[in-house]
Amino acid sequence: MANEDLRTAQAGKNDEFYTQYHDIEVEMNAYLEYNPDVFRGKTILLPCDDPEWSNFTKYFAAKFDA
C-alpha cells in the first residue's frame, strides 16, 4: 500500500511540497522568543526556486523592518 502511494506521488505532475506560511511564522517566532537579536546583522538565504511564490520570501519581506 505505501509503495503504491509512493509510485503515485512519483508519477504525479504537481507533487511538490510547499512550506506553509503559518509554519514559517511559528518557527521564526520560536527563534525570536529565545533571542530577539538572533538574525540581526545576518544574511538569510531563502530556500526557494521562485521568489514570487515562496512563502519564505513573503514572510521575510513582510517582516523585513522588524
C-alpha atoms as a PDB file:
ATOM      1  CA  MET A   1       0.000   0.000   0.000  1.00  0.00           C
ATOM      2  CA  ALA A   2       2.689   2.515   0.988  1.00  0.00           C
ATOM      3  CA  ASN A   3       4.755   1.606  -2.063  1.00  0.00           C
ATOM      4  CA  GLU A   4       1.684   2.254  -4.202  1.00  0.00           C
ATOM      5  CA  ASP A   5       1.338   5.737  -2.698  1.00  0.00           C
ATOM      6  CA  LEU A   6       4.992   6.493  -3.431  1.00  0.00           C
ATOM      7  CA  ARG A   7       4.607   5.390  -7.040  1.00  0.00           C
ATOM      8  CA  THR A   8       1.510   7.548  -7.427  1.00  0.00           C
ATOM      9  CA  ALA A   9       3.336  10.551  -5.961  1.00  0.00           C
ATOM     10  CA  GLN A  10       6.348   9.921  -8.169  1.00  0.00           C
ATOM     11  CA  ALA A  11       4.160   9.856 -11.273  1.00  0.00           C
ATOM     12  CA  GLY A  12       2.208  12.987 -10.267  1.00  0.00           C
ATOM     13  CA  LYS A  13       2.953  16.147 -12.196  1.00  0.00           C
ATOM     14  CA  ASN A  14       2.314  18.577  -9.320  1.00  0.00           C
ATOM     15  CA  ASP A  15       3.883  16.626  -6.494  1.00  0.00           C
ATOM     16  CA  GLU A  16       5.802  19.389  -4.744  1.00  0.00           C
ATOM     17  CA  PHE A  17       5.952  20.334  -1.096  1.00  0.00           C
ATOM     18  CA  TYR A  18       5.444  23.933  -0.095  1.00  0.00           C
ATOM     19  CA  THR A  19       6.155  25.082   3.431  1.00  0.00           C
ATOM     20  CA  GLN A  20       3.090  26.821   4.779  1.00  0.00           C
ATOM     21  CA  TYR A  21       3.336  30.491   5.798  1.00  0.00           C
ATOM     22  CA  HIS A  22       1.954  29.649   9.246  1.00  0.00           C
ATOM     23  CA  ASP A  23       4.662  27.018   9.818  1.00  0.00           C
ATOM     24  CA  ILE A  24       7.381  29.520   8.925  1.00  0.00           C
ATOM     25  CA  GLU A  25       5.849  32.092  11.254  1.00  0.00           C
ATOM     26  CA  VAL A  26       5.664  29.641  14.177  1.00  0.00           C
ATOM     27  CA  GLU A  27       9.269  28.527  13.717  1.00  0.00           C
ATOM     28  CA  MET A  28      10.607  32.079  13.374  1.00  0.00           C
ATOM     29  CA  ASN A  29       8.689  33.230  16.449  1.00  0.00           C
ATOM     30  CA  ALA A  30      10.295  30.411  18.450  1.00  0.00           C
ATOM     31  CA  TYR A  31      13.760  31.652  17.422  1.00  0.00           C
ATOM     32  CA  LEU A  32      12.873  35.271  18.195  1.00  0.00           C
ATOM     33  CA  GLU A  33      11.413  34.421  21.605  1.00  0.00           C
ATOM     34  CA  TYR A  34      14.636  32.642  22.502  1.00  0.00           C
ATOM     35  CA  ASN A  35      16.844  35.513  21.290  1.00  0.00           C
ATOM     36  CA  PRO A  36      15.292  38.649  19.717  1.00  0.00           C
ATOM     37  CA  ASP A  37      18.624  39.567  18.074  1.00  0.00           C
ATOM     38  CA  VAL A  38      19.339  36.141  16.600  1.00  0.00           C
ATOM     39  CA  PHE A  39      19.034  37.392  12.992  1.00  0.00           C
ATOM     40  CA  ARG A  40      20.253  40.962  13.422  1.00  0.00           C
ATOM     41  CA  GLY A  41      23.109  41.683  11.025  1.00  0.00           C
ATOM     42  CA  LYS A  42      22.822  38.256   9.403  1.00  0.00           C
ATOM     43  CA  THR A  43      22.323  37.255   5.791  1.00  0.00           C
ATOM     44  CA  ILE A  44      19.429  34.859   5.344  1.00  0.00           C
ATOM     45  CA  LEU A  45      19.395  32.518   2.358  1.00  0.00           C
ATOM     46  CA  LEU A  46      15.859  31.564   1.399  1.00  0.00           C
ATOM     47  CA  PRO A  47      15.182  28.006   0.217  1.00  0.00           C
ATOM     48  CA  CYS A  48      13.026  28.765  -2.796  1.00  0.00           C
ATOM     49  CA  ASP A  49      13.030  28.284  -6.547  1.00  0.00           C
ATOM     50  CA  ASP A  50      10.565  31.058  -7.352  1.00  0.00           C
ATOM     51  CA  PRO A  51      10.613  34.061  -5.002  1.00  0.00           C
ATOM     52  CA  GLU A  52       7.246  35.274  -6.272  1.00  0.00           C
ATOM     53  CA  TRP A  53       5.514  32.123  -4.963  1.00  0.00           C
ATOM     54  CA  SER A  54       7.738  31.357  -1.979  1.00  0.00           C
ATOM     55  CA  ASN A  55       6.193  31.657   1.471  1.00  0.00           C
ATOM     56  CA  PHE A  56       9.710  32.201   2.838  1.00  0.00           C
ATOM     57  CA  THR A  57      10.109  35.284   0.633  1.00  0.00           C
ATOM     58  CA  LYS A  58       6.651  36.560   1.558  1.00  0.00           C
ATOM     59  CA  TYR A  59       7.335  36.128   5.270  1.00  0.00           C
ATOM     60  CA  PHE A  60      10.729  37.835   5.287  1.00  0.00           C
ATOM     61  CA  ALA A  61       9.563  40.642   3.011  1.00  0.00           C
ATOM     62  CA  ALA A  62       6.628  41.347   5.353  1.00  0.00           C
ATOM     63  CA  LYS A  63       8.862  41.248   8.456  1.00  0.00           C
ATOM     64  CA  PHE A  64      11.972  42.914   6.982  1.00  0.00           C
ATOM     65  CA  ASP A  65      11.832  46.089   9.077  1.00  0.00           C
ATOM     66  CA  ALA A  66      11.129  44.188  12.298  1.00  0.00           C
END
